[in-house]
PDB file of N, CA and C in Angstrom:
ATOM      1  N   MET A   1      70.151  74.205  76.451  1.00  0.00           N
ATOM      2  CA  MET A   1      70.808  73.700  77.752  1.00  0.00           C
ATOM      3  C   MET A   1      69.912  73.981  78.495  1.00  0.00           C
ATOM      4  N   VAL A   2      69.645  73.117  79.584  1.00  0.00           N
ATOM      5  CA  VAL A   2      68.677  73.301  80.868  1.00  0.00           C
ATOM      6  C   VAL A   2      69.580  72.624  81.895  1.00  0.00           C
ATOM      7  N   GLY A   3      69.912  73.172  82.855  1.00  0.00           N
ATOM      8  CA  GLY A   3      70.279  72.567  84.117  1.00  0.00           C
ATOM      9  C   GLY A   3      69.309  72.060  85.043  1.00  0.00           C
ATOM     10  N   VAL A   4      69.495  70.717  85.565  1.00  0.00           N
ATOM     11  CA  VAL A   4      68.484  70.087  86.158  1.00  0.00           C
ATOM     12  C   VAL A   4      68.923  69.298  87.234  1.00  0.00           C
ATOM     13  N   ARG A   5      68.249  69.204  88.519  1.00  0.00           N
ATOM     14  CA  ARG A   5      68.856  68.470  89.769  1.00  0.00           C
ATOM     15  C   ARG A   5      69.005  67.149  89.396  1.00  0.00           C
ATOM     16  N   ASP A   6      68.157  66.259  88.741  1.00  0.00           N
ATOM     17  CA  ASP A   6      68.005  64.997  88.488  1.00  0.00           C
ATOM     18  C   ASP A   6      67.802  64.661  86.747  1.00  0.00           C
ATOM     19  N   VAL A   7      68.951  64.328  86.138  1.00  0.00           N
ATOM     20  CA  VAL A   7      68.602  64.430  84.562  1.00  0.00           C
ATOM     21  C   VAL A   7      67.776  63.399  84.230  1.00  0.00           C
ATOM     22  N   GLU A   8      67.762  62.072  84.791  1.00  0.00           N
ATOM     23  CA  GLU A   8      66.959  61.266  84.287  1.00  0.00           C
ATOM     24  C   GLU A   8      65.482  61.599  84.681  1.00  0.00           C
ATOM     25  N   ARG A   9      64.981  62.218  85.772  1.00  0.00           N
ATOM     26  CA  ARG A   9      63.857  62.543  86.126  1.00  0.00           C
ATOM     27  C   ARG A   9      63.403  63.577  85.349  1.00  0.00           C
ATOM     28  N   ALA A  10      64.470  64.603  85.028  1.00  0.00           N
ATOM     29  CA  ALA A  10      63.738  65.664  84.296  1.00  0.00           C
ATOM     30  C   ALA A  10      63.470  64.839  83.104  1.00  0.00           C
ATOM     31  N   ALA A  11      64.524  64.289  82.352  1.00  0.00           N
ATOM     32  CA  ALA A  11      64.061  63.630  81.076  1.00  0.00           C
ATOM     33  C   ALA A  11      62.726  63.099  80.916  1.00  0.00           C
ATOM     34  N   ALA A  12      62.505  62.216  82.019  1.00  0.00           N
ATOM     35  CA  ALA A  12      61.198  61.697  81.924  1.00  0.00           C
ATOM     36  C   ALA A  12      59.977  62.719  81.681  1.00  0.00           C
ATOM     37  N   TRP A  13      60.058  63.687  82.581  1.00  0.00           N
ATOM     38  CA  TRP A  13      59.213  64.973  82.524  1.00  0.00           C
ATOM     39  C   TRP A  13      59.072  65.512  81.273  1.00  0.00           C
ATOM     40  N   TYR A  14      60.165  65.864  80.563  1.00  0.00           N
ATOM     41  CA  TYR A  14      60.300  66.350  79.211  1.00  0.00           C
ATOM     42  C   TYR A  14      59.678  65.363  78.023  1.00  0.00           C
ATOM     43  N   ILE A  15      59.907  64.106  78.282  1.00  0.00           N
ATOM     44  CA  ILE A  15      59.374  63.046  77.459  1.00  0.00           C
ATOM     45  C   ILE A  15      57.982  62.830  77.619  1.00  0.00           C
ATOM     46  N   ASN A  16      57.420  62.718  78.671  1.00  0.00           N
ATOM     47  CA  ASN A  16      55.955  62.644  79.170  1.00  0.00           C
ATOM     48  C   ASN A  16      55.203  63.990  78.915  1.00  0.00           C
ATOM     49  N   LYS A  17      55.442  65.050  79.112  1.00  0.00           N
ATOM     50  CA  LYS A  17      54.750  66.334  79.094  1.00  0.00           C
ATOM     51  C   LYS A  17      54.998  66.864  77.622  1.00  0.00           C
ATOM     52  N   LEU A  18      55.997  67.085  77.048  1.00  0.00           N
ATOM     53  CA  LEU A  18      56.486  67.621  75.832  1.00  0.00           C
ATOM     54  C   LEU A  18      56.466  66.691  74.649  1.00  0.00           C
ATOM     55  N   ALA A  19      56.302  65.491  75.009  1.00  0.00           N
ATOM     56  CA  ALA A  19      56.606  64.488  73.922  1.00  0.00           C
ATOM     57  C   ALA A  19      57.784  64.362  72.999  1.00  0.00           C
ATOM     58  N   LEU A  20      58.853  64.555  73.734  1.00  0.00           N
ATOM     59  CA  LEU A  20      60.001  64.634  73.370  1.00  0.00           C
ATOM     60  C   LEU A  20      60.823  63.013  73.189  1.00  0.00           C
ATOM     61  N   TYR A  21      61.767  63.055  72.734  1.00  0.00           N
ATOM     62  CA  TYR A  21      62.260  61.558  72.507  1.00  0.00           C
ATOM     63  C   TYR A  21      64.012  61.770  72.783  1.00  0.00           C
ATOM     64  N   VAL A  22      64.506  60.768  73.318  1.00  0.00           N
ATOM     65  CA  VAL A  22      66.063  60.756  73.680  1.00  0.00           C
ATOM     66  C   VAL A  22      66.644  60.702  72.527  1.00  0.00           C
ATOM     67  N   ARG A  23      67.517  61.379  72.224  1.00  0.00           N
ATOM     68  CA  ARG A  23      68.557  61.298  71.088  1.00  0.00           C
ATOM     69  C   ARG A  23      69.704  60.820  71.553  1.00  0.00           C
ATOM     70  N   ALA A  24      70.454  61.109  72.767  1.00  0.00           N
ATOM     71  CA  ALA A  24      71.626  60.561  73.009  1.00  0.00           C
ATOM     72  C   ALA A  24      71.694  60.774  74.536  1.00  0.00           C
ATOM     73  N   ARG A  25      72.609  59.934  74.921  1.00  0.00           N
ATOM     74  CA  ARG A  25      73.034  60.273  76.289  1.00  0.00           C
ATOM     75  C   ARG A  25      74.571  60.018  76.403  1.00  0.00           C
ATOM     76  N   SER A  26      75.092  61.049  77.184  1.00  0.00           N
ATOM     77  CA  SER A  26      76.339  60.947  77.187  1.00  0.00           C
ATOM     78  C   SER A  26      77.215  61.938  78.477  1.00  0.00           C
ATOM     79  N   ASP A  27      77.832  61.210  79.176  1.00  0.00           N
ATOM     80  CA  ASP A  27      78.728  61.947  80.224  1.00  0.00           C
ATOM     81  C   ASP A  27      77.609  62.628  81.336  1.00  0.00           C
ATOM     82  N   GLY A  28      76.480  61.742  81.677  1.00  0.00           N
ATOM     83  CA  GLY A  28      75.478  62.319  82.435  1.00  0.00           C
ATOM     84  C   GLY A  28      74.681  63.208  81.800  1.00  0.00           C
ATOM     85  N   ARG A  29      74.646  63.608  80.811  1.00  0.00           N
ATOM     86  CA  ARG A  29      73.887  64.607  79.876  1.00  0.00           C
ATOM     87  C   ARG A  29      72.655  63.565  79.221  1.00  0.00           C
ATOM     88  N   VAL A  30      71.564  64.288  79.010  1.00  0.00           N
ATOM     89  CA  VAL A  30      70.424  63.635  78.102  1.00  0.00           C
ATOM     90  C   VAL A  30      70.100  64.705  77.177  1.00  0.00           C
ATOM     91  N   TYR A  31      70.145  64.136  75.780  1.00  0.00           N
ATOM     92  CA  TYR A  31      69.848  65.145  74.542  1.00  0.00           C
ATOM     93  C   TYR A  31      68.560  64.702  74.136  1.00  0.00           C
ATOM     94  N   LEU A  32      67.586  65.759  74.024  1.00  0.00           N
ATOM     95  CA  LEU A  32      66.301  65.467  73.732  1.00  0.00           C
ATOM     96  C   LEU A  32      66.048  65.968  72.283  1.00  0.00           C
ATOM     97  N   THR A  33      65.017  65.431  71.502  1.00  0.00           N
ATOM     98  CA  THR A  33      64.791  65.969  70.241  1.00  0.00           C
ATOM     99  C   THR A  33      63.118  65.589  70.095  1.00  0.00           C
ATOM    100  N   SER A  34      62.735  66.626  69.216  1.00  0.00           N
ATOM    101  CA  SER A  34      61.106  66.450  68.975  1.00  0.00           C
ATOM    102  C   SER A  34      60.718  65.564  68.001  1.00  0.00           C
ATOM    103  N   SER A  35      61.651  65.007  67.033  1.00  0.00           N
ATOM    104  CA  SER A  35      61.320  63.867  66.082  1.00  0.00           C
ATOM    105  C   SER A  35      62.683  63.451  65.633  1.00  0.00           C
ATOM    106  N   CYS A  36      62.505  62.477  64.736  1.00  0.00           N
ATOM    107  CA  CYS A  36      63.776  61.789  64.181  1.00  0.00           C
ATOM    108  C   CYS A  36      64.761  62.802  63.163  1.00  0.00           C
ATOM    109  N   ARG A  37      64.017  63.818  62.889  1.00  0.00           N
ATOM    110  CA  ARG A  37      64.936  64.850  61.947  1.00  0.00           C
ATOM    111  C   ARG A  37      65.544  65.924  62.922  1.00  0.00           C
ATOM    112  N   GLY A  38      65.298  65.492  64.314  1.00  0.00           N
ATOM    113  CA  GLY A  38      66.031  66.590  65.327  1.00  0.00           C
ATOM    114  C   GLY A  38      65.624  68.159  65.187  1.00  0.00           C
ATOM    115  N   GLU A  39      64.181  68.642  64.869  1.00  0.00           N
ATOM    116  CA  GLU A  39      63.768  69.832  64.616  1.00  0.00           C
ATOM    117  C   GLU A  39      64.008  70.805  65.936  1.00  0.00           C
ATOM    118  N   LEU A  40      64.135  70.123  67.018  1.00  0.00           N
ATOM    119  CA  LEU A  40      64.217  70.595  68.291  1.00  0.00           C
ATOM    120  C   LEU A  40      65.068  69.892  69.031  1.00  0.00           C
ATOM    121  N   SER A  41      66.048  70.422  69.817  1.00  0.00           N
ATOM    122  CA  SER A  41      66.982  69.887  70.523  1.00  0.00           C
ATOM    123  C   SER A  41      67.243  70.570  71.946  1.00  0.00           C
ATOM    124  N   ILE A  42      67.058  69.843  73.030  1.00  0.00           N
ATOM    125  CA  ILE A  42      67.175  70.246  74.179  1.00  0.00           C
ATOM    126  C   ILE A  42      68.466  69.254  75.093  1.00  0.00           C
ATOM    127  N   GLU A  43      69.157  70.053  75.761  1.00  0.00           N
ATOM    128  CA  GLU A  43      70.448  69.315  76.366  1.00  0.00           C
ATOM    129  C   GLU A  43      70.012  69.612  77.796  1.00  0.00           C
ATOM    130  N   LEU A  44      69.614  68.309  78.669  1.00  0.00           N
ATOM    131  CA  LEU A  44      69.698  68.461  79.830  1.00  0.00           C
ATOM    132  C   LEU A  44      71.082  68.060  80.769  1.00  0.00           C
ATOM    133  N   PHE A  45      71.441  68.850  81.558  1.00  0.00           N
ATOM    134  CA  PHE A  45      72.543  68.780  82.385  1.00  0.00           C
ATOM    135  C   PHE A  45      72.688  68.807  83.781  1.00  0.00           C
ATOM    136  N   PRO A  46      73.188  67.972  84.536  1.00  0.00           N
ATOM    137  CA  PRO A  46      73.095  68.045  86.107  1.00  0.00           C
ATOM    138  C   PRO A  46      73.778  69.393  86.589  1.00  0.00           C
ATOM    139  N   ALA A  47      72.776  69.906  87.575  1.00  0.00           N
ATOM    140  CA  ALA A  47      73.171  71.165  88.118  1.00  0.00           C
ATOM    141  C   ALA A  47      72.695  71.386  89.653  1.00  0.00           C
ATOM    142  N   ALA A  48      73.825  71.451  90.554  1.00  0.00           N
ATOM    143  CA  ALA A  48      73.488  71.306  91.737  1.00  0.00           C
ATOM    144  C   ALA A  48      72.235  72.058  92.376  1.00  0.00           C
ATOM    145  N   LYS A  49      71.842  73.251  91.678  1.00  0.00           N
ATOM    146  CA  LYS A  49      70.594  73.796  92.127  1.00  0.00           C
ATOM    147  C   LYS A  49      69.829  74.189  91.115  1.00  0.00           C
ATOM    148  N   GLY A  50      68.521  74.302  91.188  1.00  0.00           N
ATOM    149  CA  GLY A  50      67.819  74.881  90.110  1.00  0.00           C
ATOM    150  C   GLY A  50      66.954  75.960  90.598  1.00  0.00           C
ATOM    151  N   PRO A  51      66.340  76.647  89.950  1.00  0.00           N
ATOM    152  CA  PRO A  51      66.452  76.800  88.382  1.00  0.00           C
ATOM    153  C   PRO A  51      67.680  77.264  87.731  1.00  0.00           C
ATOM    154  N   GLN A  52      68.008  76.598  86.534  1.00  0.00           N
ATOM    155  CA  GLN A  52      69.130  77.368  85.799  1.00  0.00           C
ATOM    156  C   GLN A  52      68.765  78.246  84.622  1.00  0.00           C
ATOM    157  N   GLY A  53      67.399  78.079  84.263  1.00  0.00           N
ATOM    158  CA  GLY A  53      67.131  78.806  83.264  1.00  0.00           C
ATOM    159  C   GLY A  53      67.770  78.739  81.795  1.00  0.00           C
ATOM    160  N   GLY A  54      68.408  77.729  81.768  1.00  0.00           N
ATOM    161  CA  GLY A  54      69.119  77.554  80.395  1.00  0.00           C
ATOM    162  C   GLY A  54      70.661  77.471  80.543  1.00  0.00           C
ATOM    163  N   ASN A  55      71.249  78.121  79.785  1.00  0.00           N
ATOM    164  CA  ASN A  55      72.953  78.127  79.989  1.00  0.00           C
ATOM    165  C   ASN A  55      73.467  78.954  81.119  1.00  0.00           C
ATOM    166  N   GLY A  56      72.482  79.397  81.872  1.00  0.00           N
ATOM    167  CA  GLY A  56      73.134  80.316  83.031  1.00  0.00           C
ATOM    168  C   GLY A  56      72.227  81.581  83.142  1.00  0.00           C
ATOM    169  N   ALA A  57      72.433  82.505  82.228  1.00  0.00           N
ATOM    170  CA  ALA A  57      71.539  83.760  82.297  1.00  0.00           C
ATOM    171  C   ALA A  57      70.358  83.744  81.649  1.00  0.00           C
ATOM    172  N   LYS A  58      70.686  82.966  80.149  1.00  0.00           N
ATOM    173  CA  LYS A  58      69.371  83.136  79.287  1.00  0.00           C
ATOM    174  C   LYS A  58      68.568  82.019  79.485  1.00  0.00           C
ATOM    175  N   ARG A  59      67.267  82.398  79.258  1.00  0.00           N
ATOM    176  CA  ARG A  59      66.364  80.942  79.195  1.00  0.00           C
ATOM    177  C   ARG A  59      66.219  80.490  77.650  1.00  0.00           C
ATOM    178  N   PRO A  60      65.845  78.925  77.731  1.00  0.00           N
ATOM    179  CA  PRO A  60      65.626  78.479  76.236  1.00  0.00           C
ATOM    180  C   PRO A  60      64.559  78.973  75.714  1.00  0.00           C
ATOM    181  N   VAL A  61      64.516  79.349  74.252  1.00  0.00           N
ATOM    182  CA  VAL A  61      63.441  79.599  73.462  1.00  0.00           C
ATOM    183  C   VAL A  61      63.189  78.556  72.630  1.00  0.00           C
ATOM    184  N   LEU A  62      61.939  78.073  72.453  1.00  0.00           N
ATOM    185  CA  LEU A  62      61.406  77.134  71.422  1.00  0.00           C
ATOM    186  C   LEU A  62      60.515  77.916  70.791  1.00  0.00           C
ATOM    187  N   PHE A  63      60.293  77.225  69.345  1.00  0.00           N
ATOM    188  CA  PHE A  63      59.373  77.979  68.452  1.00  0.00           C
ATOM    189  C   PHE A  63      58.443  76.839  67.880  1.00  0.00           C
ATOM    190  N   THR A  64      57.152  77.209  67.605  1.00  0.00           N
ATOM    191  CA  THR A  64      56.185  76.328  67.030  1.00  0.00           C
ATOM    192  C   THR A  64      55.011  77.348  66.154  1.00  0.00           C
ATOM    193  N   ALA A  65      54.679  76.355  65.277  1.00  0.00           N
ATOM    194  CA  ALA A  65      53.535  77.072  64.208  1.00  0.00           C
ATOM    195  C   ALA A  65      52.290  77.110  64.685  1.00  0.00           C
ATOM    196  N   ALA A  66      51.992  76.187  65.871  1.00  0.00           N
ATOM    197  CA  ALA A  66      50.952  76.287  66.617  1.00  0.00           C
ATOM    198  C   ALA A  66      50.723  76.589  68.003  1.00  0.00           C
ATOM    199  N   LEU A  67      51.128  77.956  68.358  1.00  0.00           N
ATOM    200  CA  LEU A  67      51.223  78.365  69.596  1.00  0.00           C
ATOM    201  C   LEU A  67      50.021  78.161  70.544  1.00  0.00           C
ATOM    202  N   ASP A  68      48.928  78.652  70.014  1.00  0.00           N
ATOM    203  CA  ASP A  68      47.585  78.474  70.749  1.00  0.00           C
ATOM    204  C   ASP A  68      47.371  77.152  71.196  1.00  0.00           C
ATOM    205  N   ALA A  69      47.524  76.291  70.328  1.00  0.00           N
ATOM    206  CA  ALA A  69      47.111  74.510  70.451  1.00  0.00           C
ATOM    207  C   ALA A  69      48.235  74.177  71.491  1.00  0.00           C
ATOM    208  N   VAL A  70      49.626  74.687  71.263  1.00  0.00           N
ATOM    209  CA  VAL A  70      50.636  74.064  72.513  1.00  0.00           C
ATOM    210  C   VAL A  70      50.128  74.541  73.728  1.00  0.00           C
ATOM    211  N   HIS A  71      49.821  75.857  73.881  1.00  0.00           N
ATOM    212  CA  HIS A  71      49.442  76.402  74.968  1.00  0.00           C
ATOM    213  C   HIS A  71      48.606  75.714  75.819  1.00  0.00           C
ATOM    214  N   LYS A  72      47.286  75.402  74.843  1.00  0.00           N
ATOM    215  CA  LYS A  72      46.244  74.645  75.412  1.00  0.00           C
ATOM    216  C   LYS A  72      46.715  73.273  75.932  1.00  0.00           C
ATOM    217  N   HIS A  73      47.525  72.600  75.178  1.00  0.00           N
ATOM    218  CA  HIS A  73      47.879  71.164  75.405  1.00  0.00           C
ATOM    219  C   HIS A  73      48.916  71.347  76.705  1.00  0.00           C
ATOM    220  N   PHE A  74      49.614  72.203  76.826  1.00  0.00           N
ATOM    221  CA  PHE A  74      50.543  72.261  78.116  1.00  0.00           C
ATOM    222  C   PHE A  74      49.384  72.444  79.425  1.00  0.00           C
ATOM    223  N   ARG A  75      48.485  73.431  79.334  1.00  0.00           N
ATOM    224  CA  ARG A  75      47.639  73.639  80.418  1.00  0.00           C
ATOM    225  C   ARG A  75      46.931  72.319  80.713  1.00  0.00           C
ATOM    226  N   THR A  76      46.313  71.486  79.732  1.00  0.00           N
ATOM    227  CA  THR A  76      45.676  70.325  79.977  1.00  0.00           C
ATOM    228  C   THR A  76      46.682  69.192  80.705  1.00  0.00           C
ATOM    229  N   ALA A  77      47.806  69.501  80.401  1.00  0.00           N
ATOM    230  CA  ALA A  77      48.910  68.313  80.726  1.00  0.00           C
ATOM    231  C   ALA A  77      49.138  68.721  82.232  1.00  0.00           C
ATOM    232  N   GLY A  78      48.881  69.861  82.666  1.00  0.00           N
ATOM    233  CA  GLY A  78      49.334  70.328  83.958  1.00  0.00           C
ATOM    234  C   GLY A  78      50.646  71.123  83.962  1.00  0.00           C
ATOM    235  N   ILE A  79      51.222  71.683  83.037  1.00  0.00           N
ATOM    236  CA  ILE A  79      52.339  72.262  82.958  1.00  0.00           C
ATOM    237  C   ILE A  79      51.954  73.958  83.308  1.00  0.00           C
ATOM    238  N   PRO A  80      52.833  74.219  84.226  1.00  0.00           N
ATOM    239  CA  PRO A  80      52.595  75.759  84.717  1.00  0.00           C
ATOM    240  C   PRO A  80      52.981  76.653  83.351  1.00  0.00           C
ATOM    241  N   VAL A  81      52.059  77.469  82.835  1.00  0.00           N
ATOM    242  CA  VAL A  81      52.031  78.256  81.894  1.00  0.00           C
ATOM    243  C   VAL A  81      51.627  79.575  82.034  1.00  0.00           C
ATOM    244  N   GLU A  82      52.278  80.686  81.616  1.00  0.00           N
ATOM    245  CA  GLU A  82      51.825  82.033  81.608  1.00  0.00           C
ATOM    246  C   GLU A  82      50.785  82.106  80.558  1.00  0.00           C
ATOM    247  N   PRO A  83      49.871  83.275  80.552  1.00  0.00           N
ATOM    248  CA  PRO A  83      49.160  83.642  79.527  1.00  0.00           C
ATOM    249  C   PRO A  83      50.095  84.043  78.152  1.00  0.00           C
ATOM    250  N   ILE A  84      49.583  83.933  77.047  1.00  0.00           N
ATOM    251  CA  ILE A  84      50.167  84.139  75.855  1.00  0.00           C
ATOM    252  C   ILE A  84      50.213  85.764  75.871  1.00  0.00           C
ATOM    253  N   GLN A  85      51.291  86.394  75.389  1.00  0.00           N
ATOM    254  CA  GLN A  85      51.674  87.645  75.094  1.00  0.00           C
ATOM    255  C   GLN A  85      52.277  88.197  73.982  1.00  0.00           C
ATOM    256  N   THR A  86      52.491  89.360  73.539  1.00  0.00           N
ATOM    257  CA  THR A  86      52.697  89.704  72.631  1.00  0.00           C
ATOM    258  C   THR A  86      53.865  90.754  72.856  1.00  0.00           C
ATOM    259  N   ASN A  87      55.121  90.682  72.242  1.00  0.00           N
ATOM    260  CA  ASN A  87      56.372  91.408  72.596  1.00  0.00           C
ATOM    261  C   ASN A  87      56.240  92.627  71.601  1.00  0.00           C
ATOM    262  N   GLY A  88      57.111  93.633  71.802  1.00  0.00           N
ATOM    263  CA  GLY A  88      57.180  94.928  71.160  1.00  0.00           C
ATOM    264  C   GLY A  88      57.246  94.629  69.526  1.00  0.00           C
ATOM    265  N   GLY A  89      58.007  93.624  69.309  1.00  0.00           N
ATOM    266  CA  GLY A  89      57.935  92.998  67.661  1.00  0.00           C
ATOM    267  C   GLY A  89      56.874  92.552  67.134  1.00  0.00           C
ATOM    268  N   GLY A  90      55.707  92.279  67.924  1.00  0.00           N
ATOM    269  CA  GLY A  90      54.683  91.664  67.451  1.00  0.00           C
ATOM    270  C   GLY A  90      54.731  90.237  67.537  1.00  0.00           C
ATOM    271  N   THR A  91      55.825  89.579  68.051  1.00  0.00           N
ATOM    272  CA  THR A  91      55.761  88.153  68.117  1.00  0.00           C
ATOM    273  C   THR A  91      54.964  87.810  69.504  1.00  0.00           C
ATOM    274  N   ARG A  92      54.133  86.669  69.267  1.00  0.00           N
ATOM    275  CA  ARG A  92      53.210  86.129  70.330  1.00  0.00           C
ATOM    276  C   ARG A  92      54.283  85.296  70.893  1.00  0.00           C
ATOM    277  N   PHE A  93      54.134  84.762  72.329  1.00  0.00           N
ATOM    278  CA  PHE A  93      54.761  83.865  73.112  1.00  0.00           C
ATOM    279  C   PHE A  93      54.279  83.756  74.403  1.00  0.00           C
ATOM    280  N   PHE A  94      54.622  82.453  75.188  1.00  0.00           N
ATOM    281  CA  PHE A  94      54.408  82.426  76.364  1.00  0.00           C
ATOM    282  C   PHE A  94      55.326  81.605  77.335  1.00  0.00           C
ATOM    283  N   ARG A  95      55.400  81.686  78.419  1.00  0.00           N
ATOM    284  CA  ARG A  95      56.574  81.074  79.200  1.00  0.00           C
ATOM    285  C   ARG A  95      55.953  79.823  80.142  1.00  0.00           C
ATOM    286  N   PHE A  96      56.871  78.790  80.358  1.00  0.00           N
ATOM    287  CA  PHE A  96      56.445  77.807  80.986  1.00  0.00           C
ATOM    288  C   PHE A  96      57.406  77.325  81.805  1.00  0.00           C
ATOM    289  N   ARG A  97      57.166  76.521  83.077  1.00  0.00           N
ATOM    290  CA  ARG A  97      58.229  76.062  83.773  1.00  0.00           C
ATOM    291  C   ARG A  97      58.324  74.545  83.750  1.00  0.00           C
ATOM    292  N   ASP A  98      59.430  74.095  83.798  1.00  0.00           N
ATOM    293  CA  ASP A  98      59.606  72.588  83.954  1.00  0.00           C
ATOM    294  C   ASP A  98      59.682  72.012  85.359  1.00  0.00           C
ATOM    295  N   LEU A  99      59.944  70.620  85.382  1.00  0.00           N
ATOM    296  CA  LEU A  99      59.906  70.162  86.637  1.00  0.00           C
ATOM    297  C   LEU A  99      60.596  70.861  87.671  1.00  0.00           C
ATOM    298  N   ASP A 100      61.633  71.372  87.441  1.00  0.00           N
ATOM    299  CA  ASP A 100      62.965  71.992  88.228  1.00  0.00           C
ATOM    300  C   ASP A 100      62.520  73.464  88.305  1.00  0.00           C
ATOM    301  N   GLY A 101      61.584  73.867  87.905  1.00  0.00           N
ATOM    302  CA  GLY A 101      61.302  75.455  87.803  1.00  0.00           C
ATOM    303  C   GLY A 101      62.012  76.352  86.845  1.00  0.00           C
ATOM    304  N   ASN A 102      62.748  75.639  85.944  1.00  0.00           N
ATOM    305  CA  ASN A 102      63.436  76.286  84.643  1.00  0.00           C
ATOM    306  C   ASN A 102      62.228  77.057  84.150  1.00  0.00           C
ATOM    307  N   THR A 103      62.451  78.066  83.617  1.00  0.00           N
ATOM    308  CA  THR A 103      61.451  79.064  82.843  1.00  0.00           C
ATOM    309  C   THR A 103      61.949  78.762  81.410  1.00  0.00           C
ATOM    310  N   ILE A 104      60.843  78.430  80.513  1.00  0.00           N
ATOM    311  CA  ILE A 104      61.285  78.133  79.023  1.00  0.00           C
ATOM    312  C   ILE A 104      60.256  79.064  78.193  1.00  0.00           C
ATOM    313  N   GLU A 105      60.799  79.653  77.147  1.00  0.00           N
ATOM    314  CA  GLU A 105      59.750  80.439  76.275  1.00  0.00           C
ATOM    315  C   GLU A 105      59.581  79.811  75.061  1.00  0.00           C
ATOM    316  N   MET A 106      57.874  79.833  74.894  1.00  0.00           N
ATOM    317  CA  MET A 106      57.610  79.304  73.675  1.00  0.00           C
ATOM    318  C   MET A 106      57.020  80.342  73.015  1.00  0.00           C
ATOM    319  N   CYS A 107      57.632  80.564  71.445  1.00  0.00           N
ATOM    320  CA  CYS A 107      57.409  81.572  70.552  1.00  0.00           C
ATOM    321  C   CYS A 107      56.746  80.926  69.399  1.00  0.00           C
ATOM    322  N   ALA A 108      55.836  82.012  68.790  1.00  0.00           N
ATOM    323  CA  ALA A 108      54.992  81.655  67.395  1.00  0.00           C
ATOM    324  C   ALA A 108      56.299  81.616  66.241  1.00  0.00           C
ATOM    325  N   GLU A 109      56.345  80.665  65.491  1.00  0.00           N
ATOM    326  CA  GLU A 109      57.050  80.759  64.416  1.00  0.00           C
ATOM    327  C   GLU A 109      56.876  82.025  63.649  1.00  0.00           C
ATOM    328  N   THR A 110      57.659  82.976  62.890  1.00  0.00           N
ATOM    329  CA  THR A 110      57.000  83.762  61.900  1.00  0.00           C
ATOM    330  C   THR A 110      57.700  83.459  60.597  1.00  0.00           C
ATOM    331  N   ARG A 111      57.131  83.736  59.545  1.00  0.00           N
ATOM    332  CA  ARG A 111      57.955  83.356  58.288  1.00  0.00           C
ATOM    333  C   ARG A 111      58.024  84.604  57.549  1.00  0.00           C
TER     334      ARG A 111
END
């Protein structure tokens, strides 16, 4: 869940920048997905002020098998991204900000 000031404007940003699709709209919320299989799901909800950082205190975490390529794509698309880092457990990740300044973390999938 990601709180945003303008749900439709934020949905357009996620669709254009992250290549997501609208899965559903309900009660002023927009539900986005990465494919018809629904591998990734983000719920955008109206929030009086941003950034919300997800469901209040925690930021959303997304996973990808192509972390380096996604990081490069985001930079090229003009999305504010931090450098790729490695946490104490050895997982590679980076953080980026959406249109409302919400911080979202993208992690490398581990198998």
